[in-house]
C-alpha cells in the first residue's frame, strides 16, 4: 500500500484515515465488480433460455440466488436442464455450491 512521505510525517491518525479511505474505495470497486459478474451471469442464462422479460435477483453468500421472474419454468428448462447447467457454472464461477430459489411474479407481485 503506497503512503506518501508527508502523510507518514503527520502521524498515525492521518495514516489510519488514509488507509480507511483506500479500503472503502477498494471495497466499493469489489462490490461493483461482483454485482456486474452476477448480472452478466443471469443475462447469459436469460439469453440462452430465450427470456426477454426482466429478471430480478438477490444473492446472499450463504443462501445463494433467489430469482424473481414471471416465467420460472423457462429458466429451469426441460427436466431442469438449464438450472442444472447454470448451477454447475455457478460452482465454477463462485467456487461453491449455490442454492437457487425461484419466485414467480404474478400481476406485479411475488408469489411466495
C-alpha atoms as a PDB file:
ATOM      1  CA  UNK A   1       0.000   0.000   0.000  1.00  0.00           C
ATOM      2  CA  UNK A   2       1.502   3.336  -1.025  1.00  0.00           C
ATOM      3  CA  UNK A   3       1.511   6.134   1.532  1.00  0.00           C
ATOM      4  CA  UNK A   4       3.123   9.494   0.739  1.00  0.00           C
ATOM      5  CA  UNK A   5       6.071  10.606   2.918  1.00  0.00           C
ATOM      6  CA  UNK A   6       4.257  13.727   4.134  1.00  0.00           C
ATOM      7  CA  UNK A   7       1.385  11.569   5.346  1.00  0.00           C
ATOM      8  CA  UNK A   8       3.757   9.381   7.329  1.00  0.00           C
ATOM      9  CA  UNK A   9       5.270  12.522   8.875  1.00  0.00           C
ATOM     10  CA  UNK A  10       1.845  13.768  10.045  1.00  0.00           C
ATOM     11  CA  UNK A  11       1.219  10.903  12.442  1.00  0.00           C
ATOM     12  CA  UNK A  12      -0.651   7.687  12.854  1.00  0.00           C
ATOM     13  CA  UNK A  13      -4.162   9.228  12.778  1.00  0.00           C
ATOM     14  CA  UNK A  14      -3.599  10.565   9.271  1.00  0.00           C
ATOM     15  CA  UNK A  15      -2.223   7.210   8.174  1.00  0.00           C
ATOM     16  CA  UNK A  16      -5.285   5.431   9.591  1.00  0.00           C
ATOM     17  CA  UNK A  17      -7.625   7.899   7.864  1.00  0.00           C
ATOM     18  CA  UNK A  18      -5.849   7.358   4.546  1.00  0.00           C
ATOM     19  CA  UNK A  19      -5.974   3.580   4.954  1.00  0.00           C
ATOM     20  CA  UNK A  20      -9.686   3.757   5.793  1.00  0.00           C
ATOM     21  CA  UNK A  21     -10.320   5.815   2.657  1.00  0.00           C
ATOM     22  CA  UNK A  22      -8.308   3.432   0.474  1.00  0.00           C
ATOM     23  CA  UNK A  23     -10.107   0.440   1.969  1.00  0.00           C
ATOM     24  CA  UNK A  24     -13.546   1.967   1.286  1.00  0.00           C
ATOM     25  CA  UNK A  25     -12.559   2.726  -2.317  1.00  0.00           C
ATOM     26  CA  UNK A  26     -11.340  -0.842  -2.806  1.00  0.00           C
ATOM     27  CA  UNK A  27     -14.450  -2.267  -1.164  1.00  0.00           C
ATOM     28  CA  UNK A  28     -16.692  -0.240  -3.492  1.00  0.00           C
ATOM     29  CA  UNK A  29     -14.757  -1.402  -6.553  1.00  0.00           C
ATOM     30  CA  UNK A  30     -15.001  -5.055  -5.480  1.00  0.00           C
ATOM     31  CA  UNK A  31     -18.740  -4.677  -4.831  1.00  0.00           C
ATOM     32  CA  UNK A  32     -19.317  -3.184  -8.307  1.00  0.00           C
ATOM     33  CA  UNK A  33     -17.264  -5.981  -9.865  1.00  0.00           C
ATOM     34  CA  UNK A  34     -19.263  -8.676  -8.013  1.00  0.00           C
ATOM     35  CA  UNK A  35     -22.635  -7.145  -8.940  1.00  0.00           C
ATOM     36  CA  UNK A  36     -21.604  -6.912 -12.603  1.00  0.00           C
ATOM     37  CA  UNK A  37     -20.440 -10.537 -12.533  1.00  0.00           C
ATOM     38  CA  UNK A  38     -23.759 -11.705 -11.068  1.00  0.00           C
ATOM     39  CA  UNK A  39     -25.754  -9.595 -13.538  1.00  0.00           C
ATOM     40  CA  UNK A  40     -23.753 -10.921 -16.522  1.00  0.00           C
ATOM     41  CA  UNK A  41     -24.292 -14.477 -15.313  1.00  0.00           C
ATOM     42  CA  UNK A  42     -28.082 -14.006 -15.217  1.00  0.00           C
ATOM     43  CA  UNK A  43     -28.148 -12.126 -18.542  1.00  0.00           C
ATOM     44  CA  UNK A  44     -26.354 -15.059 -20.220  1.00  0.00           C
ATOM     45  CA  UNK A  45     -28.790 -17.501 -18.637  1.00  0.00           C
ATOM     46  CA  UNK A  46     -31.835 -15.494 -19.770  1.00  0.00           C
ATOM     47  CA  UNK A  47     -30.421 -15.160 -23.279  1.00  0.00           C
ATOM     48  CA  UNK A  48     -29.887 -18.915 -23.564  1.00  0.00           C
ATOM     49  CA  UNK A  49     -33.381 -19.593 -22.226  1.00  0.00           C
ATOM     50  CA  UNK A  50     -34.896 -17.053 -24.632  1.00  0.00           C
ATOM     51  CA  UNK A  51     -36.350 -14.993 -21.807  1.00  0.00           C
ATOM     52  CA  UNK A  52     -36.588 -11.353 -22.805  1.00  0.00           C
ATOM     53  CA  UNK A  53     -38.519 -10.028 -19.812  1.00  0.00           C
ATOM     54  CA  UNK A  54     -36.568  -8.557 -16.938  1.00  0.00           C
ATOM     55  CA  UNK A  55     -35.458 -10.791 -14.124  1.00  0.00           C
ATOM     56  CA  UNK A  56     -34.661  -9.567 -10.634  1.00  0.00           C
ATOM     57  CA  UNK A  57     -32.481 -11.400  -8.177  1.00  0.00           C
ATOM     58  CA  UNK A  58     -30.993 -11.389  -4.708  1.00  0.00           C
ATOM     59  CA  UNK A  59     -27.704 -13.035  -3.922  1.00  0.00           C
ATOM     60  CA  UNK A  60     -26.676 -13.808  -0.380  1.00  0.00           C
ATOM     61  CA  UNK A  61     -23.357 -15.557   0.098  1.00  0.00           C
ATOM     62  CA  UNK A  62     -24.679 -18.207   2.497  1.00  0.00           C
ATOM     63  CA  UNK A  63     -28.106 -18.650   0.896  1.00  0.00           C
ATOM     64  CA  UNK A  64     -27.422 -18.440  -2.835  1.00  0.00           C
ATOM     65  CA  UNK A  65     -29.583 -16.881  -5.535  1.00  0.00           C
ATOM     66  CA  UNK A  66     -33.251 -16.000  -5.316  1.00  0.00           C
ATOM     67  CA  UNK A  67     -34.517 -15.264  -8.820  1.00  0.00           C
ATOM     68  CA  UNK A  68     -37.755 -13.339  -9.388  1.00  0.00           C
ATOM     69  CA  UNK A  69     -39.432 -13.814 -12.770  1.00  0.00           C
ATOM     70  CA  UNK A  70     -42.838 -14.224 -14.423  1.00  0.00           C
ATOM     71  CA  UNK A  71     -41.716 -17.460 -16.090  1.00  0.00           C
ATOM     72  CA  UNK A  72     -39.502 -19.544 -13.789  1.00  0.00           C
ATOM     73  CA  UNK A  73     -40.122 -22.652 -15.880  1.00  0.00           C
ATOM     74  CA  UNK A  74     -38.298 -21.107 -18.828  1.00  0.00           C
ATOM     75  CA  UNK A  75     -35.179 -20.579 -16.690  1.00  0.00           C
ATOM     76  CA  UNK A  76     -35.462 -24.039 -15.155  1.00  0.00           C
ATOM     77  CA  UNK A  77     -35.606 -25.663 -18.595  1.00  0.00           C
ATOM     78  CA  UNK A  78     -36.790 -29.026 -19.780  1.00  0.00           C
ATOM     79  CA  UNK A  79     -36.469 -31.503 -16.873  1.00  0.00           C
ATOM     80  CA  UNK A  80     -34.243 -28.988 -15.068  1.00  0.00           C
ATOM     81  CA  UNK A  81     -31.595 -28.972 -17.794  1.00  0.00           C
ATOM     82  CA  UNK A  82     -30.902 -25.224 -17.726  1.00  0.00           C
ATOM     83  CA  UNK A  83     -30.971 -24.874 -13.958  1.00  0.00           C
ATOM     84  CA  UNK A  84     -28.545 -27.775 -13.579  1.00  0.00           C
ATOM     85  CA  UNK A  85     -26.241 -26.342 -16.245  1.00  0.00           C
ATOM     86  CA  UNK A  86     -26.172 -22.915 -14.607  1.00  0.00           C
ATOM     87  CA  UNK A  87     -25.839 -24.383 -11.120  1.00  0.00           C
ATOM     88  CA  UNK A  88     -22.644 -26.073 -12.355  1.00  0.00           C
ATOM     89  CA  UNK A  89     -21.481 -22.794 -13.913  1.00  0.00           C
ATOM     90  CA  UNK A  90     -22.143 -21.040 -10.606  1.00  0.00           C
ATOM     91  CA  UNK A  91     -19.981 -23.564  -8.817  1.00  0.00           C
ATOM     92  CA  UNK A  92     -17.150 -22.903 -11.298  1.00  0.00           C
ATOM     93  CA  UNK A  93     -17.570 -19.135 -11.200  1.00  0.00           C
ATOM     94  CA  UNK A  94     -18.123 -18.589  -7.487  1.00  0.00           C
ATOM     95  CA  UNK A  95     -16.232 -21.602  -6.152  1.00  0.00           C
ATOM     96  CA  UNK A  96     -19.026 -23.079  -4.058  1.00  0.00           C
ATOM     97  CA  UNK A  97     -22.405 -24.747  -4.339  1.00  0.00           C
ATOM     98  CA  UNK A  98     -25.127 -22.134  -4.507  1.00  0.00           C
ATOM     99  CA  UNK A  99     -28.776 -22.820  -3.869  1.00  0.00           C
ATOM    100  CA  UNK A 100     -31.223 -21.407  -6.379  1.00  0.00           C
ATOM    101  CA  UNK A 101     -34.727 -20.434  -5.452  1.00  0.00           C
ATOM    102  CA  UNK A 102     -37.281 -19.174  -7.950  1.00  0.00           C
ATOM    103  CA  UNK A 103     -40.080 -16.809  -7.022  1.00  0.00           C
ATOM    104  CA  UNK A 104     -42.849 -16.391  -9.560  1.00  0.00           C
ATOM    105  CA  UNK A 105     -44.136 -12.877 -10.204  1.00  0.00           C
ATOM    106  CA  UNK A 106     -47.883 -12.682 -10.896  1.00  0.00           C
ATOM    107  CA  UNK A 107     -49.661  -9.412 -11.596  1.00  0.00           C
ATOM    108  CA  UNK A 108     -46.656  -7.469 -10.323  1.00  0.00           C
ATOM    109  CA  UNK A 109     -46.490  -9.315  -7.001  1.00  0.00           C
ATOM    110  CA  UNK A 110     -44.113 -12.024  -5.820  1.00  0.00           C
ATOM    111  CA  UNK A 111     -45.860 -15.332  -5.238  1.00  0.00           C
ATOM    112  CA  UNK A 112     -44.037 -16.866  -2.282  1.00  0.00           C
END
